[in-house]
Amino acid sequence: MENISFATAWAYCFHTTSYVLWLIGAALASVGIIYALVRNYKRNQNWSNGNSLLLFIAICIFVAALLARPGEIAANTTKEQFSKGIIIGY
């Protein structure tokens, strides 16, 4: 009962439309936050701790969208299930 590799799960996810749309949405949200932070910095020439926190959150949103679904599939799907086309994840 060996689980599939993370790379296999990631390759499967990139072939699903829902995952790609989720990544695009997360990327747009992250880029929007970063763009607003850069604009605010250029206007005020002040980078506060709140801006650092928002930047961290923007990066976390994208990384979570990138890794959560393949990680869930890799942890719950065995090689036998994957060969039969049974994918366990959300």
Protein backbone atom coordinates (compact mmCIF):
# COMPACT_ATOMS: atom_id res chain seq x y z
CA MET A 1 0.00 0.00 0.00
CA GLU A 2 2.44 2.61 -1.20
CA ASN A 3 1.16 6.11 -1.94
CA ILE A 4 1.77 7.87 -5.22
CA SER A 5 4.53 10.44 -5.34
CA PHE A 6 3.93 14.14 -4.97
CA ALA A 7 5.15 14.67 -8.54
CA THR A 8 2.56 12.22 -9.87
CA ALA A 9 -0.20 13.93 -7.91
CA TRP A 10 0.98 17.33 -9.13
CA ALA A 11 1.01 16.14 -12.74
CA TYR A 12 -2.54 14.83 -12.31
CA CYS A 13 -3.70 18.12 -10.78
CA PHE A 14 -2.26 20.20 -13.61
CA HIS A 15 -4.46 18.25 -16.01
CA THR A 16 -7.65 19.22 -14.18
CA THR A 17 -9.40 22.44 -15.06
CA SER A 18 -10.53 23.18 -11.52
CA TYR A 19 -6.96 23.13 -10.18
CA VAL A 20 -5.67 25.39 -12.93
CA LEU A 21 -8.53 27.85 -12.38
CA TRP A 22 -7.89 27.77 -8.62
CA LEU A 23 -4.21 28.56 -9.24
CA ILE A 24 -5.06 31.41 -11.59
CA GLY A 25 -7.46 32.88 -9.02
CA ALA A 26 -4.90 32.59 -6.23
CA ALA A 27 -2.21 34.11 -8.44
CA LEU A 28 -4.45 37.03 -9.36
CA ALA A 29 -5.33 37.64 -5.71
CA SER A 30 -1.67 37.49 -4.70
CA VAL A 31 -0.54 39.75 -7.53
CA GLY A 32 -3.32 42.22 -6.70
CA ILE A 33 -2.21 42.42 -3.08
CA ILE A 34 1.44 42.81 -4.05
CA TYR A 35 0.58 45.47 -6.64
CA ALA A 36 -1.38 47.45 -4.04
CA LEU A 37 1.52 47.19 -1.59
CA VAL A 38 4.05 48.41 -4.16
CA ARG A 39 1.81 51.30 -5.17
CA ASN A 40 1.33 52.26 -1.55
CA TYR A 41 5.08 52.12 -0.94
CA LYS A 42 5.84 54.29 -3.98
CA ARG A 43 3.31 56.84 -2.78
CA ASN A 44 4.34 56.99 0.90
CA GLN A 45 7.94 55.73 0.87
CA ASN A 46 7.07 53.86 4.06
CA TRP A 47 7.11 50.08 4.58
CA SER A 48 5.46 49.11 7.86
CA ASN A 49 5.06 45.80 9.64
CA GLY A 50 1.47 45.64 8.41
CA ASN A 51 2.72 45.70 4.82
CA SER A 52 5.13 42.88 5.58
CA LEU A 53 2.27 40.86 7.02
CA LEU A 54 0.13 41.47 3.92
CA LEU A 55 3.03 40.41 1.69
CA PHE A 56 3.45 37.24 3.73
CA ILE A 57 -0.28 36.50 3.44
CA ALA A 58 -0.20 37.06 -0.33
CA ILE A 59 2.65 34.59 -0.70
CA CYS A 60 0.93 32.07 1.60
CA ILE A 61 -2.27 32.25 -0.45
CA PHE A 62 -0.43 31.28 -3.61
CA VAL A 63 1.74 28.60 -2.00
CA ALA A 64 -1.27 27.02 -0.29
CA ALA A 65 -3.19 26.95 -3.58
CA LEU A 66 -0.17 25.44 -5.31
CA LEU A 67 0.56 22.67 -2.80
CA ALA A 68 -2.64 21.78 -0.92
CA ARG A 69 -4.50 19.70 -3.50
CA PRO A 70 -1.50 17.69 -4.82
CA GLY A 71 -0.39 17.04 -1.25
CA GLU A 72 -3.82 15.79 -0.28
CA ILE A 73 -4.01 13.51 -3.30
CA ALA A 74 -0.47 12.18 -2.77
CA ALA A 75 -1.17 11.42 0.88
CA ASN A 76 -4.47 9.59 0.29
CA THR A 77 -4.10 7.78 -3.05
CA THR A 78 -2.20 4.52 -3.36
CA LYS A 79 -0.48 3.37 -6.52
CA GLU A 80 -3.06 0.63 -7.01
CA GLN A 81 -5.93 3.10 -6.74
CA PHE A 82 -4.22 5.53 -9.11
CA SER A 83 -3.67 2.80 -11.71
CA LYS A 84 -7.42 2.07 -11.58
CA GLY A 85 -8.27 5.77 -11.96
CA ILE A 86 -9.41 6.25 -8.36
CA ILE A 87 -8.13 9.56 -7.03
CA ILE A 88 -8.73 10.29 -3.36
CA GLY A 89 -8.51 13.94 -2.39
CA TYR A 90 -10.70 16.95 -2.38
